[in-house]
């Protein structure tokens, strides 16, 4: 009886492992040096001519892609931005102005980086895959966690294979109010930041070796 039970257990474990490792997934890890993520913030209001738009760049990114072939709809993506790494670049503005915007952005009235140290994306599915002239266009569904709030989003992505590496480009509009962030206002609202932002990214990912696996580290929100 014990031999039968042991045999059944081995068969069950083997089946699970076979399901988890079908042999058609290629893991890629994000190349931090070549990957870029930018956020564009736009102004509005009666005196908007006296304000200016902002360009924000993320300097600490991590992530992993599990690329399924030939059926790309089975692929998955994890992506993490360290909130404190968001930098106001604003070409043409003074260092003083950039530092003021930076302080406001990371402070408790906007992103509250001390309490919410990471921005996280986890995919839940891939759909609408089309291929044309070496470019694969798809819709990536998933959950975006920002400012302690999780929302379902769909991101249009353009994939390319370049020299063994995988590149992904796309844009995502985002409403700050959906994540319980109040757009900044000055002068009683005469100059204010638009609720809608635009996030653009260029991701370069390289294949992992069989002996190395890099998994993004997710931090819980610091509620203290």
N, C-alpha and C. Protein backbone atom coordinates (compact mmCIF):
# COMPACT_ATOMS: atom_id res chain seq x y z
N UNK A 1 0.83 -1.20 0.00
CA UNK A 1 0.00 0.00 0.00
C UNK A 1 0.87 1.26 0.00
N UNK A 2 1.96 1.21 0.80
CA UNK A 2 2.86 2.36 0.85
C UNK A 2 3.53 2.59 -0.50
N UNK A 3 3.89 1.45 -1.19
CA UNK A 3 4.53 1.58 -2.50
C UNK A 3 3.58 2.21 -3.50
N UNK A 4 2.30 1.83 -3.43
CA UNK A 4 1.30 2.39 -4.34
C UNK A 4 1.14 3.88 -4.10
N UNK A 5 1.05 4.27 -2.81
CA UNK A 5 0.90 5.68 -2.46
C UNK A 5 2.10 6.48 -2.93
N UNK A 6 3.31 5.90 -2.75
CA UNK A 6 4.52 6.60 -3.17
C UNK A 6 4.55 6.78 -4.69
N UNK A 7 4.12 5.74 -5.41
CA UNK A 7 4.08 5.82 -6.87
C UNK A 7 3.11 6.90 -7.33
N UNK A 8 1.93 6.96 -6.69
CA UNK A 8 0.95 7.97 -7.04
C UNK A 8 1.50 9.36 -6.78
N UNK A 9 2.22 9.52 -5.64
CA UNK A 9 2.79 10.82 -5.30
C UNK A 9 3.82 11.26 -6.34
N UNK A 10 4.68 10.32 -6.76
CA UNK A 10 5.68 10.64 -7.78
C UNK A 10 5.03 11.07 -9.07
N UNK A 11 3.98 10.38 -9.48
CA UNK A 11 3.28 10.71 -10.72
C UNK A 11 2.66 12.10 -10.62
N UNK A 12 2.05 12.41 -9.46
CA UNK A 12 1.42 13.71 -9.27
C UNK A 12 2.45 14.83 -9.33
N UNK A 13 3.59 14.65 -8.62
CA UNK A 13 4.64 15.67 -8.62
C UNK A 13 5.20 15.85 -10.02
N UNK A 14 5.42 14.76 -10.72
CA UNK A 14 5.95 14.84 -12.08
C UNK A 14 5.00 15.59 -13.00
N UNK A 15 3.71 15.37 -12.81
CA UNK A 15 2.72 16.05 -13.64
C UNK A 15 2.73 17.55 -13.38
N UNK A 16 2.84 17.92 -12.08
CA UNK A 16 2.87 19.34 -11.74
C UNK A 16 4.09 20.01 -12.33
N UNK A 17 5.26 19.36 -12.19
CA UNK A 17 6.49 19.94 -12.74
C UNK A 17 6.43 20.04 -14.24
N UNK A 18 5.84 19.07 -14.88
CA UNK A 18 5.70 19.11 -16.34
C UNK A 18 4.81 20.26 -16.76
N UNK A 19 3.77 20.53 -15.95
CA UNK A 19 2.88 21.65 -16.27
C UNK A 19 3.56 22.98 -16.07
N UNK A 20 4.46 23.05 -15.07
CA UNK A 20 5.12 24.31 -14.77
C UNK A 20 6.27 24.59 -15.72
N UNK A 21 6.86 23.54 -16.31
CA UNK A 21 8.02 23.73 -17.15
C UNK A 21 7.77 23.08 -18.52
N UNK A 22 6.91 23.69 -19.33
CA UNK A 22 6.55 23.09 -20.61
C UNK A 22 7.67 23.17 -21.63
N UNK A 23 8.74 23.91 -21.35
CA UNK A 23 9.86 23.96 -22.26
C UNK A 23 9.75 25.01 -23.34
N UNK A 24 8.73 25.85 -23.32
CA UNK A 24 8.59 26.86 -24.36
C UNK A 24 8.54 28.27 -23.78
N UNK A 25 9.08 28.46 -22.58
CA UNK A 25 9.19 29.78 -21.96
C UNK A 25 10.66 30.20 -21.90
N UNK A 26 10.93 31.43 -22.33
CA UNK A 26 12.28 31.96 -22.24
C UNK A 26 12.27 33.15 -21.27
N UNK A 27 13.02 33.07 -20.17
CA UNK A 27 13.05 34.18 -19.22
C UNK A 27 14.01 35.27 -19.66
N UNK A 28 13.57 36.51 -19.53
CA UNK A 28 14.41 37.68 -19.82
C UNK A 28 14.41 38.57 -18.58
N UNK A 29 15.53 39.21 -18.33
CA UNK A 29 15.60 40.17 -17.23
C UNK A 29 15.90 41.55 -17.78
N UNK A 30 15.35 42.55 -17.14
CA UNK A 30 15.47 43.92 -17.62
C UNK A 30 16.90 44.43 -17.51
N UNK A 31 17.37 45.08 -18.57
CA UNK A 31 18.67 45.73 -18.58
C UNK A 31 18.48 47.16 -18.07
N UNK A 32 18.93 47.44 -16.87
CA UNK A 32 18.69 48.74 -16.24
C UNK A 32 19.38 49.89 -16.96
N UNK A 33 20.55 49.61 -17.54
CA UNK A 33 21.30 50.68 -18.18
C UNK A 33 20.64 51.15 -19.48
N UNK A 34 20.04 50.22 -20.22
CA UNK A 34 19.46 50.57 -21.51
C UNK A 34 17.97 50.88 -21.45
N UNK A 35 17.32 50.49 -20.39
CA UNK A 35 15.87 50.69 -20.28
C UNK A 35 15.56 52.09 -19.78
N UNK A 36 14.45 52.64 -20.25
CA UNK A 36 14.05 54.00 -19.87
C UNK A 36 12.55 54.05 -19.61
N UNK A 37 12.17 54.83 -18.63
CA UNK A 37 10.76 55.12 -18.37
C UNK A 37 10.64 56.60 -18.05
N UNK A 38 9.74 57.29 -18.77
CA UNK A 38 9.53 58.71 -18.55
C UNK A 38 8.05 59.00 -18.32
N UNK A 39 7.83 60.01 -17.48
CA UNK A 39 6.47 60.48 -17.20
C UNK A 39 6.39 61.93 -17.61
N UNK A 40 5.39 62.25 -18.41
CA UNK A 40 5.16 63.63 -18.82
C UNK A 40 3.97 64.19 -18.06
N UNK A 41 4.18 65.33 -17.42
CA UNK A 41 3.16 65.99 -16.62
C UNK A 41 2.84 67.33 -17.30
N UNK A 42 1.56 67.59 -17.51
CA UNK A 42 1.15 68.78 -18.26
C UNK A 42 0.43 69.78 -17.36
N UNK A 43 0.54 71.05 -17.69
CA UNK A 43 -0.08 72.11 -16.89
C UNK A 43 -1.38 72.58 -17.56
N UNK A 44 -2.22 73.21 -16.78
CA UNK A 44 -3.43 73.83 -17.29
C UNK A 44 -3.84 74.94 -16.34
N UNK A 45 -4.92 75.63 -16.66
CA UNK A 45 -5.39 76.71 -15.80
C UNK A 45 -5.30 78.06 -16.47
N UNK A 46 -5.90 79.06 -15.84
CA UNK A 46 -5.99 80.41 -16.41
C UNK A 46 -4.62 81.02 -16.65
N UNK A 47 -3.66 80.73 -15.75
CA UNK A 47 -2.31 81.30 -15.87
C UNK A 47 -1.29 80.22 -16.23
N UNK A 48 -1.71 79.27 -17.04
CA UNK A 48 -0.81 78.16 -17.35
C UNK A 48 0.45 78.61 -18.09
N UNK A 49 0.39 79.76 -18.75
CA UNK A 49 1.58 80.27 -19.44
C UNK A 49 2.72 80.57 -18.47
N UNK A 50 2.40 80.74 -17.18
CA UNK A 50 3.42 81.06 -16.19
C UNK A 50 3.96 79.79 -15.51
N UNK A 51 3.38 78.66 -15.85
CA UNK A 51 3.89 77.39 -15.33
C UNK A 51 4.63 76.66 -16.43
N UNK A 52 4.98 75.41 -16.19
CA UNK A 52 5.63 74.65 -17.24
C UNK A 52 5.34 73.17 -17.06
N UNK A 53 5.43 72.45 -18.18
CA UNK A 53 5.26 71.00 -18.13
C UNK A 53 6.50 70.38 -17.49
N UNK A 54 6.35 69.13 -17.04
CA UNK A 54 7.45 68.45 -16.39
C UNK A 54 7.76 67.13 -17.08
N UNK A 55 9.04 66.79 -17.09
CA UNK A 55 9.50 65.49 -17.58
C UNK A 55 10.18 64.78 -16.42
N UNK A 56 9.72 63.58 -16.12
CA UNK A 56 10.23 62.82 -14.98
C UNK A 56 10.78 61.50 -15.48
N UNK A 57 11.96 61.14 -15.01
CA UNK A 57 12.62 59.91 -15.46
C UNK A 57 12.86 58.98 -14.28
N UNK A 58 12.60 57.69 -14.49
CA UNK A 58 12.87 56.68 -13.46
C UNK A 58 14.29 56.16 -13.65
N UNK A 59 15.06 56.12 -12.58
CA UNK A 59 16.47 55.70 -12.67
C UNK A 59 16.72 54.32 -12.07
N UNK A 60 15.76 53.77 -11.34
CA UNK A 60 15.92 52.42 -10.78
C UNK A 60 14.74 51.56 -11.19
N UNK A 61 14.98 50.69 -12.18
CA UNK A 61 13.96 49.80 -12.71
C UNK A 61 14.42 48.36 -12.56
N UNK A 62 13.47 47.46 -12.39
CA UNK A 62 13.78 46.03 -12.41
C UNK A 62 12.57 45.30 -12.96
N UNK A 63 12.81 44.11 -13.47
CA UNK A 63 11.68 43.37 -14.03
C UNK A 63 12.11 42.10 -14.70
N UNK A 64 11.13 41.29 -15.02
CA UNK A 64 11.39 40.02 -15.70
C UNK A 64 10.24 39.71 -16.64
N UNK A 65 10.60 39.15 -17.78
CA UNK A 65 9.62 38.73 -18.78
C UNK A 65 9.76 37.23 -18.99
N UNK A 66 8.65 36.53 -18.95
CA UNK A 66 8.61 35.12 -19.32
C UNK A 66 7.96 35.06 -20.70
N UNK A 67 8.78 34.91 -21.73
CA UNK A 67 8.29 34.95 -23.10
C UNK A 67 7.91 33.55 -23.56
N UNK A 68 6.64 33.38 -23.87
CA UNK A 68 6.13 32.08 -24.33
C UNK A 68 6.16 32.04 -25.86
N UNK A 69 6.65 30.95 -26.38
CA UNK A 69 6.69 30.77 -27.83
C UNK A 69 6.25 29.36 -28.19
N UNK A 70 5.46 29.20 -29.25
CA UNK A 70 5.06 30.25 -30.21
C UNK A 70 3.82 31.05 -29.78
N UNK A 71 3.18 30.66 -28.68
CA UNK A 71 1.94 31.32 -28.25
C UNK A 71 2.25 32.43 -27.27
N UNK A 72 2.38 33.66 -27.76
CA UNK A 72 2.78 34.79 -26.92
C UNK A 72 1.74 35.13 -25.86
N UNK A 73 0.50 34.70 -26.04
CA UNK A 73 -0.55 35.04 -25.07
C UNK A 73 -0.30 34.38 -23.71
N UNK A 74 0.60 33.43 -23.64
CA UNK A 74 0.93 32.78 -22.36
C UNK A 74 2.08 33.49 -21.64
N UNK A 75 2.60 34.55 -22.23
CA UNK A 75 3.73 35.27 -21.63
C UNK A 75 3.30 36.05 -20.39
N UNK A 76 4.28 36.43 -19.58
CA UNK A 76 3.99 37.21 -18.38
C UNK A 76 5.10 38.23 -18.13
N UNK A 77 4.75 39.29 -17.39
CA UNK A 77 5.68 40.38 -17.13
C UNK A 77 5.53 40.85 -15.69
N UNK A 78 6.65 41.10 -15.03
CA UNK A 78 6.67 41.81 -13.75
C UNK A 78 7.60 43.01 -13.90
N UNK A 79 7.24 44.12 -13.28
CA UNK A 79 7.99 45.35 -13.47
C UNK A 79 7.89 46.19 -12.20
N UNK A 80 9.04 46.74 -11.77
CA UNK A 80 9.08 47.51 -10.54
C UNK A 80 9.88 48.79 -10.75
N UNK A 81 9.34 49.91 -10.27
CA UNK A 81 10.05 51.18 -10.24
C UNK A 81 10.19 51.60 -8.78
N UNK A 82 11.40 51.93 -8.38
CA UNK A 82 11.60 52.46 -7.03
C UNK A 82 11.14 53.92 -7.05
N UNK A 83 10.14 54.24 -6.24
CA UNK A 83 9.52 55.56 -6.28
C UNK A 83 10.54 56.68 -6.05
N UNK A 84 11.44 56.48 -5.12
CA UNK A 84 12.42 57.52 -4.80
C UNK A 84 13.40 57.79 -5.93
N UNK A 85 13.43 56.89 -6.93
CA UNK A 85 14.36 57.06 -8.05
C UNK A 85 13.79 57.96 -9.14
N UNK A 86 12.55 58.40 -9.01
CA UNK A 86 11.96 59.29 -10.01
C UNK A 86 12.62 60.66 -9.91
N UNK A 87 13.17 61.12 -11.03
CA UNK A 87 13.92 62.36 -11.06
C UNK A 87 13.28 63.36 -12.03
N UNK A 88 13.13 64.59 -11.59
CA UNK A 88 12.62 65.66 -12.45
C UNK A 88 13.77 66.15 -13.31
N UNK A 89 13.65 66.01 -14.63
CA UNK A 89 14.74 66.42 -15.51
C UNK A 89 14.50 67.79 -16.14
N UNK A 90 13.27 68.11 -16.48
CA UNK A 90 12.84 69.44 -16.97
C UNK A 90 13.95 70.23 -17.67
N UNK A 91 14.25 69.90 -18.91
CA UNK A 91 15.30 70.64 -19.65
C UNK A 91 14.96 72.13 -19.71
N UNK A 92 15.97 72.96 -19.50
CA UNK A 92 15.77 74.40 -19.59
C UNK A 92 15.37 75.07 -18.30
N UNK A 93 15.02 74.29 -17.28
CA UNK A 93 14.63 74.87 -15.99
C UNK A 93 15.84 74.94 -15.05
N UNK A 94 15.78 75.83 -14.09
CA UNK A 94 16.89 75.97 -13.14
C UNK A 94 16.92 74.79 -12.17
N UNK A 95 18.10 74.56 -11.60
CA UNK A 95 18.24 73.48 -10.62
C UNK A 95 17.33 73.72 -9.42
N UNK A 96 17.19 74.97 -9.02
CA UNK A 96 16.32 75.31 -7.89
C UNK A 96 14.88 74.89 -8.17
N UNK A 97 14.38 75.21 -9.37
CA UNK A 97 13.01 74.86 -9.72
C UNK A 97 12.84 73.34 -9.80
N UNK A 98 13.83 72.66 -10.37
CA UNK A 98 13.73 71.20 -10.46
C UNK A 98 13.71 70.58 -9.06
N UNK A 99 14.52 71.09 -8.16
CA UNK A 99 14.56 70.54 -6.80
C UNK A 99 13.24 70.77 -6.07
N UNK A 100 12.62 71.92 -6.31
CA UNK A 100 11.33 72.19 -5.67
C UNK A 100 10.25 71.24 -6.17
N UNK A 101 10.23 71.02 -7.49
CA UNK A 101 9.26 70.09 -8.07
C UNK A 101 9.52 68.67 -7.57
N UNK A 102 10.80 68.31 -7.50
CA UNK A 102 11.20 66.98 -7.03
C UNK A 102 10.70 66.74 -5.60
N UNK A 103 10.93 67.72 -4.74
CA UNK A 103 10.52 67.59 -3.35
C UNK A 103 9.01 67.44 -3.22
N UNK A 104 8.27 68.24 -4.00
CA UNK A 104 6.80 68.14 -3.96
C UNK A 104 6.33 66.80 -4.48
N UNK A 105 6.92 66.33 -5.57
CA UNK A 105 6.51 65.07 -6.19
C UNK A 105 6.68 63.88 -5.26
N UNK A 106 7.82 63.81 -4.56
CA UNK A 106 8.09 62.67 -3.70
C UNK A 106 7.50 62.82 -2.30
N UNK A 107 7.01 64.03 -1.97
CA UNK A 107 6.45 64.29 -0.65
C UNK A 107 5.09 63.66 -0.43
N UNK A 108 4.57 63.84 0.78
CA UNK A 108 3.34 63.17 1.16
C UNK A 108 2.09 63.70 0.46
N UNK A 109 2.19 64.85 -0.22
CA UNK A 109 1.03 65.39 -0.91
C UNK A 109 0.84 64.80 -2.31
N UNK A 110 1.88 64.10 -2.81
CA UNK A 110 1.77 63.51 -4.15
C UNK A 110 2.07 62.01 -4.07
N UNK A 111 3.30 61.59 -4.35
CA UNK A 111 3.61 60.16 -4.40
C UNK A 111 3.85 59.54 -3.02
N UNK A 112 4.25 60.36 -2.05
CA UNK A 112 4.53 59.87 -0.70
C UNK A 112 5.48 58.67 -0.75
N UNK A 113 6.69 58.93 -1.28
CA UNK A 113 7.66 57.86 -1.51
C UNK A 113 8.06 57.13 -0.24
N UNK A 114 8.05 57.81 0.90
CA UNK A 114 8.43 57.16 2.15
C UNK A 114 7.44 56.07 2.54
N UNK A 115 6.18 56.30 2.25
CA UNK A 115 5.14 55.33 2.60
C UNK A 115 4.91 54.29 1.51
N UNK A 116 5.08 54.69 0.26
CA UNK A 116 4.86 53.80 -0.88
C UNK A 116 6.14 53.74 -1.71
N UNK A 117 7.09 52.92 -1.31
CA UNK A 117 8.43 52.95 -1.92
C UNK A 117 8.54 52.37 -3.32
N UNK A 118 7.50 51.67 -3.78
CA UNK A 118 7.58 51.06 -5.10
C UNK A 118 6.32 51.27 -5.92
N UNK A 119 6.52 51.31 -7.23
CA UNK A 119 5.43 51.26 -8.21
C UNK A 119 5.57 49.91 -8.90
N UNK A 120 4.51 49.12 -8.90
CA UNK A 120 4.62 47.74 -9.36
C UNK A 120 3.58 47.43 -10.44
N UNK A 121 4.01 46.64 -11.42
CA UNK A 121 3.08 46.14 -12.45
C UNK A 121 3.25 44.64 -12.55
N UNK A 122 2.12 43.92 -12.54
CA UNK A 122 2.09 42.48 -12.75
C UNK A 122 1.08 42.16 -13.83
N UNK A 123 1.53 41.50 -14.87
CA UNK A 123 0.61 41.18 -15.97
C UNK A 123 -0.32 40.04 -15.58
N UNK A 124 -1.50 40.05 -16.22
CA UNK A 124 -2.47 38.97 -16.02
C UNK A 124 -2.83 38.28 -17.33
N UNK A 125 -2.42 38.87 -18.45
CA UNK A 125 -2.73 38.25 -19.74
C UNK A 125 -2.23 39.08 -20.90
N UNK A 126 -2.11 38.43 -22.04
CA UNK A 126 -1.69 39.07 -23.28
C UNK A 126 -2.73 38.76 -24.34
N UNK A 127 -3.09 39.76 -25.14
CA UNK A 127 -4.09 39.53 -26.18
C UNK A 127 -3.84 40.43 -27.37
N UNK A 128 -4.63 40.21 -28.42
CA UNK A 128 -4.56 41.02 -29.64
C UNK A 128 -3.15 41.08 -30.20
N UNK A 129 -2.57 39.90 -30.40
CA UNK A 129 -1.20 39.84 -30.91
C UNK A 129 -1.21 39.90 -32.44
N UNK A 130 -0.49 40.86 -32.99
CA UNK A 130 -0.32 40.96 -34.44
C UNK A 130 1.16 41.15 -34.75
N UNK A 131 1.58 40.68 -35.91
CA UNK A 131 2.98 40.79 -36.30
C UNK A 131 3.08 41.44 -37.67
N UNK A 132 4.04 42.38 -37.79
CA UNK A 132 4.23 43.07 -39.05
C UNK A 132 5.64 43.62 -39.13
N UNK A 133 6.37 43.21 -40.17
CA UNK A 133 7.71 43.72 -40.45
C UNK A 133 8.63 43.65 -39.23
N UNK A 134 8.66 42.51 -38.59
CA UNK A 134 9.56 42.29 -37.47
C UNK A 134 9.11 42.88 -36.15
N UNK A 135 7.92 43.48 -36.12
CA UNK A 135 7.39 44.07 -34.89
C UNK A 135 6.14 43.30 -34.46
N UNK A 136 6.10 42.93 -33.20
CA UNK A 136 4.92 42.27 -32.64
C UNK A 136 4.16 43.27 -31.78
N UNK A 137 2.92 43.53 -32.14
CA UNK A 137 2.09 44.45 -31.36
C UNK A 137 1.09 43.64 -30.54
N UNK A 138 0.96 44.00 -29.26
CA UNK A 138 0.06 43.26 -28.38
C UNK A 138 -0.54 44.19 -27.33
N UNK A 139 -1.57 43.68 -26.67
CA UNK A 139 -2.20 44.37 -25.56
C UNK A 139 -1.86 43.60 -24.29
N UNK A 140 -1.19 44.27 -23.37
CA UNK A 140 -0.77 43.64 -22.13
C UNK A 140 -1.69 44.07 -21.00
N UNK A 141 -2.44 43.13 -20.45
CA UNK A 141 -3.34 43.40 -19.33
C UNK A 141 -2.62 43.11 -18.02
N UNK A 142 -2.95 43.87 -16.98
CA UNK A 142 -2.34 43.62 -15.69
C UNK A 142 -2.79 44.59 -14.63
N UNK A 143 -2.16 44.48 -13.47
CA UNK A 143 -2.48 45.33 -12.33
C UNK A 143 -1.33 46.28 -12.04
N UNK A 144 -1.66 47.57 -12.00
CA UNK A 144 -0.67 48.60 -11.65
C UNK A 144 -0.93 49.05 -10.22
N UNK A 145 0.10 48.93 -9.38
CA UNK A 145 -0.01 49.37 -7.99
C UNK A 145 0.79 50.64 -7.82
N UNK A 146 0.10 51.72 -7.50
CA UNK A 146 0.70 53.04 -7.36
C UNK A 146 0.06 53.76 -6.18
N UNK A 147 0.88 54.35 -5.33
CA UNK A 147 0.37 55.12 -4.20
C UNK A 147 -0.57 54.27 -3.33
N UNK A 148 -0.27 52.97 -3.23
CA UNK A 148 -1.06 52.07 -2.40
C UNK A 148 -2.37 51.64 -3.01
N UNK A 149 -2.62 51.99 -4.27
CA UNK A 149 -3.88 51.66 -4.95
C UNK A 149 -3.59 50.74 -6.12
N UNK A 150 -4.40 49.71 -6.30
CA UNK A 150 -4.26 48.79 -7.42
C UNK A 150 -5.39 48.99 -8.42
N UNK A 151 -5.02 49.12 -9.70
CA UNK A 151 -5.99 49.28 -10.76
C UNK A 151 -5.61 48.39 -11.94
N UNK A 152 -6.64 47.86 -12.62
CA UNK A 152 -6.40 47.10 -13.84
C UNK A 152 -6.11 48.06 -14.99
N UNK A 153 -5.09 47.76 -15.76
CA UNK A 153 -4.73 48.61 -16.89
C UNK A 153 -4.45 47.72 -18.10
N UNK A 154 -4.54 48.32 -19.28
CA UNK A 154 -4.16 47.65 -20.52
C UNK A 154 -3.12 48.52 -21.22
N UNK A 155 -1.97 47.92 -21.52
CA UNK A 155 -0.86 48.66 -22.09
C UNK A 155 -0.57 48.14 -23.50
N UNK A 156 -0.65 49.00 -24.51
CA UNK A 156 -0.23 48.58 -25.85
C UNK A 156 1.29 48.53 -25.92
N UNK A 157 1.82 47.44 -26.42
CA UNK A 157 3.27 47.23 -26.43
C UNK A 157 3.72 46.79 -27.82
N UNK A 158 4.88 47.29 -28.24
CA UNK A 158 5.52 46.88 -29.49
C UNK A 158 6.80 46.13 -29.14
N UNK A 159 6.86 44.85 -29.52
CA UNK A 159 8.01 44.01 -29.21
C UNK A 159 8.90 43.82 -30.44
N UNK A 160 10.20 43.77 -30.20
CA UNK A 160 11.17 43.46 -31.25
C UNK A 160 12.27 42.58 -30.66
N UNK A 161 12.82 41.73 -31.49
CA UNK A 161 14.02 40.98 -31.11
C UNK A 161 15.20 41.64 -31.79
N UNK A 162 16.22 42.02 -30.99
CA UNK A 162 17.40 42.71 -31.53
C UNK A 162 18.67 42.10 -30.93
N UNK A 163 19.39 41.37 -31.76
CA UNK A 163 20.64 40.79 -31.31
C UNK A 163 20.51 39.86 -30.13
N UNK A 164 19.43 39.13 -30.06
CA UNK A 164 19.20 38.21 -28.95
C UNK A 164 18.47 38.84 -27.79
N UNK A 165 18.42 40.18 -27.74
CA UNK A 165 17.69 40.87 -26.68
C UNK A 165 16.26 41.19 -27.13
N UNK A 166 15.42 41.42 -26.15
CA UNK A 166 14.03 41.75 -26.39
C UNK A 166 13.82 43.22 -26.06
N UNK A 167 13.19 43.97 -26.97
CA UNK A 167 12.87 45.37 -26.67
C UNK A 167 11.36 45.54 -26.66
N UNK A 168 10.89 46.40 -25.78
CA UNK A 168 9.45 46.67 -25.66
C UNK A 168 9.25 48.17 -25.53
N UNK A 169 8.38 48.72 -26.36
CA UNK A 169 8.09 50.15 -26.34
C UNK A 169 6.58 50.35 -26.21
N UNK A 170 6.19 51.41 -25.51
CA UNK A 170 4.78 51.69 -25.38
C UNK A 170 4.51 52.96 -24.60
N UNK A 171 3.23 53.35 -24.58
CA UNK A 171 2.77 54.53 -23.84
C UNK A 171 1.49 54.18 -23.10
N UNK A 172 1.32 54.81 -21.95
CA UNK A 172 0.13 54.57 -21.13
C UNK A 172 -0.36 55.88 -20.53
N UNK A 173 -1.58 56.32 -20.87
CA UNK A 173 -2.15 57.48 -20.17
C UNK A 173 -2.64 57.05 -18.79
N UNK A 174 -2.56 57.96 -17.84
CA UNK A 174 -2.91 57.60 -16.47
C UNK A 174 -3.52 58.81 -15.77
N UNK A 175 -4.62 58.58 -15.05
CA UNK A 175 -5.25 59.63 -14.25
C UNK A 175 -4.75 59.53 -12.81
N UNK A 176 -4.17 60.62 -12.32
CA UNK A 176 -3.68 60.61 -10.94
C UNK A 176 -4.80 60.35 -9.94
N UNK A 177 -5.97 60.91 -10.21
CA UNK A 177 -7.09 60.77 -9.28
C UNK A 177 -7.53 59.32 -9.11
N UNK A 178 -7.27 58.46 -10.11
CA UNK A 178 -7.62 57.04 -9.98
C UNK A 178 -6.79 56.36 -8.91
N UNK A 179 -5.65 56.96 -8.57
CA UNK A 179 -4.75 56.39 -7.57
C UNK A 179 -4.70 57.26 -6.31
N UNK A 180 -5.76 58.02 -6.11
CA UNK A 180 -5.93 58.85 -4.91
C UNK A 180 -4.81 59.88 -4.76
N UNK A 181 -4.36 60.41 -5.90
CA UNK A 181 -3.37 61.48 -5.92
C UNK A 181 -4.07 62.75 -6.41
N UNK A 182 -4.02 63.81 -5.63
CA UNK A 182 -4.63 65.08 -6.03
C UNK A 182 -3.64 65.88 -6.86
N UNK A 183 -3.98 66.22 -8.11
CA UNK A 183 -3.08 67.04 -8.92
C UNK A 183 -2.71 68.34 -8.23
N UNK A 184 -1.45 68.72 -8.34
CA UNK A 184 -0.93 69.91 -7.66
C UNK A 184 -1.55 71.17 -8.23
N UNK A 185 -1.90 72.12 -7.33
CA UNK A 185 -2.43 73.42 -7.73
C UNK A 185 -1.62 74.51 -7.05
N UNK A 186 -1.41 75.61 -7.78
CA UNK A 186 -0.76 76.78 -7.18
C UNK A 186 -1.56 78.01 -7.58
N UNK A 187 -1.39 79.06 -6.80
CA UNK A 187 -2.10 80.30 -7.10
C UNK A 187 -3.61 80.14 -7.06
N UNK A 188 -4.07 79.32 -6.09
CA UNK A 188 -5.52 79.11 -5.98
C UNK A 188 -6.11 78.37 -7.16
N UNK A 189 -5.27 77.65 -7.88
CA UNK A 189 -5.76 76.88 -9.02
C UNK A 189 -5.58 77.58 -10.35
N UNK A 190 -5.01 78.79 -10.32
CA UNK A 190 -4.78 79.51 -11.57
C UNK A 190 -3.78 78.77 -12.45
N UNK A 191 -2.85 78.07 -11.80
CA UNK A 191 -1.95 77.16 -12.50
C UNK A 191 -2.04 75.81 -11.80
N UNK A 192 -2.28 74.78 -12.54
CA UNK A 192 -2.42 73.45 -11.93
C UNK A 192 -1.93 72.38 -12.89
N UNK A 193 -1.65 71.23 -12.33
CA UNK A 193 -1.21 70.08 -13.10
C UNK A 193 -2.44 69.32 -13.59
N UNK A 194 -2.42 68.91 -14.84
CA UNK A 194 -3.53 68.12 -15.37
C UNK A 194 -3.59 66.77 -14.66
N UNK A 195 -4.79 66.28 -14.53
CA UNK A 195 -4.99 64.97 -13.91
C UNK A 195 -4.33 63.87 -14.75
N UNK A 196 -4.43 64.00 -16.06
CA UNK A 196 -3.93 62.97 -16.96
C UNK A 196 -2.42 63.12 -17.21
N UNK A 197 -1.70 62.04 -16.97
CA UNK A 197 -0.27 61.97 -17.25
C UNK A 197 -0.04 61.05 -18.45
N UNK A 198 1.17 61.08 -18.98
CA UNK A 198 1.54 60.13 -20.03
C UNK A 198 2.84 59.44 -19.64
N UNK A 199 2.78 58.12 -19.56
CA UNK A 199 3.95 57.32 -19.24
C UNK A 199 4.44 56.66 -20.53
N UNK A 200 5.71 56.81 -20.84
CA UNK A 200 6.29 56.16 -22.00
C UNK A 200 7.50 55.35 -21.56
N UNK A 201 7.76 54.24 -22.25
CA UNK A 201 8.87 53.38 -21.83
C UNK A 201 9.56 52.74 -23.04
N UNK A 202 10.82 52.48 -22.85
CA UNK A 202 11.63 51.70 -23.78
C UNK A 202 12.38 50.69 -22.92
N UNK A 203 11.97 49.44 -23.01
CA UNK A 203 12.54 48.40 -22.17
C UNK A 203 13.43 47.49 -23.01
N UNK A 204 14.63 47.26 -22.51
CA UNK A 204 15.54 46.29 -23.12
C UNK A 204 15.74 45.15 -22.12
N UNK A 205 15.48 43.93 -22.56
CA UNK A 205 15.62 42.77 -21.68
C UNK A 205 16.52 41.74 -22.34
N UNK A 206 17.37 41.13 -21.54
CA UNK A 206 18.30 40.12 -22.05
C UNK A 206 17.96 38.76 -21.48
N UNK A 207 18.20 37.69 -22.27
CA UNK A 207 17.85 36.35 -21.79
C UNK A 207 18.69 35.95 -20.60
N UNK A 208 18.05 35.25 -19.67
CA UNK A 208 18.75 34.74 -18.49
C UNK A 208 19.44 33.44 -18.83
N UNK A 209 20.59 33.19 -18.20
CA UNK A 209 21.24 31.89 -18.34
C UNK A 209 20.45 30.87 -17.54
N UNK A 210 20.65 29.59 -17.84
CA UNK A 210 19.89 28.52 -17.16
C UNK A 210 20.18 28.47 -15.67
N UNK A 211 21.34 28.98 -15.25
CA UNK A 211 21.74 28.84 -13.84
C UNK A 211 21.43 30.06 -13.00
N UNK A 212 20.92 31.12 -13.65
CA UNK A 212 20.69 32.36 -12.91
C UNK A 212 19.25 32.79 -13.09
N UNK A 213 18.61 33.20 -12.02
CA UNK A 213 17.25 33.71 -12.09
C UNK A 213 17.16 34.97 -11.25
N UNK A 214 16.77 36.07 -11.87
CA UNK A 214 16.64 37.34 -11.17
C UNK A 214 15.17 37.68 -11.06
N UNK A 215 14.69 37.82 -9.84
CA UNK A 215 13.28 38.11 -9.61
C UNK A 215 13.17 39.47 -8.95
N UNK A 216 12.32 40.36 -9.46
CA UNK A 216 12.16 41.67 -8.83
C UNK A 216 11.76 41.54 -7.37
N UNK A 217 12.32 42.37 -6.52
CA UNK A 217 12.02 42.33 -5.08
C UNK A 217 10.88 43.30 -4.79
N UNK A 218 9.78 42.77 -4.28
CA UNK A 218 8.62 43.59 -3.97
C UNK A 218 8.63 43.92 -2.49
N UNK A 219 8.46 45.20 -2.19
CA UNK A 219 8.42 45.65 -0.81
C UNK A 219 6.99 45.97 -0.42
N UNK A 220 6.61 45.62 0.80
CA UNK A 220 5.31 46.01 1.28
C UNK A 220 5.28 47.48 1.60
N UNK A 221 4.09 48.08 1.55
CA UNK A 221 3.98 49.50 1.85
C UNK A 221 4.34 49.76 3.31
N UNK A 222 5.10 50.79 3.55
CA UNK A 222 5.49 51.15 4.91
C UNK A 222 4.40 52.04 5.51
N UNK A 223 3.61 51.46 6.38
CA UNK A 223 2.47 52.18 6.93
C UNK A 223 2.77 52.80 8.29
N UNK A 224 4.02 52.70 8.72
CA UNK A 224 4.35 53.27 10.03
C UNK A 224 4.50 54.77 9.96
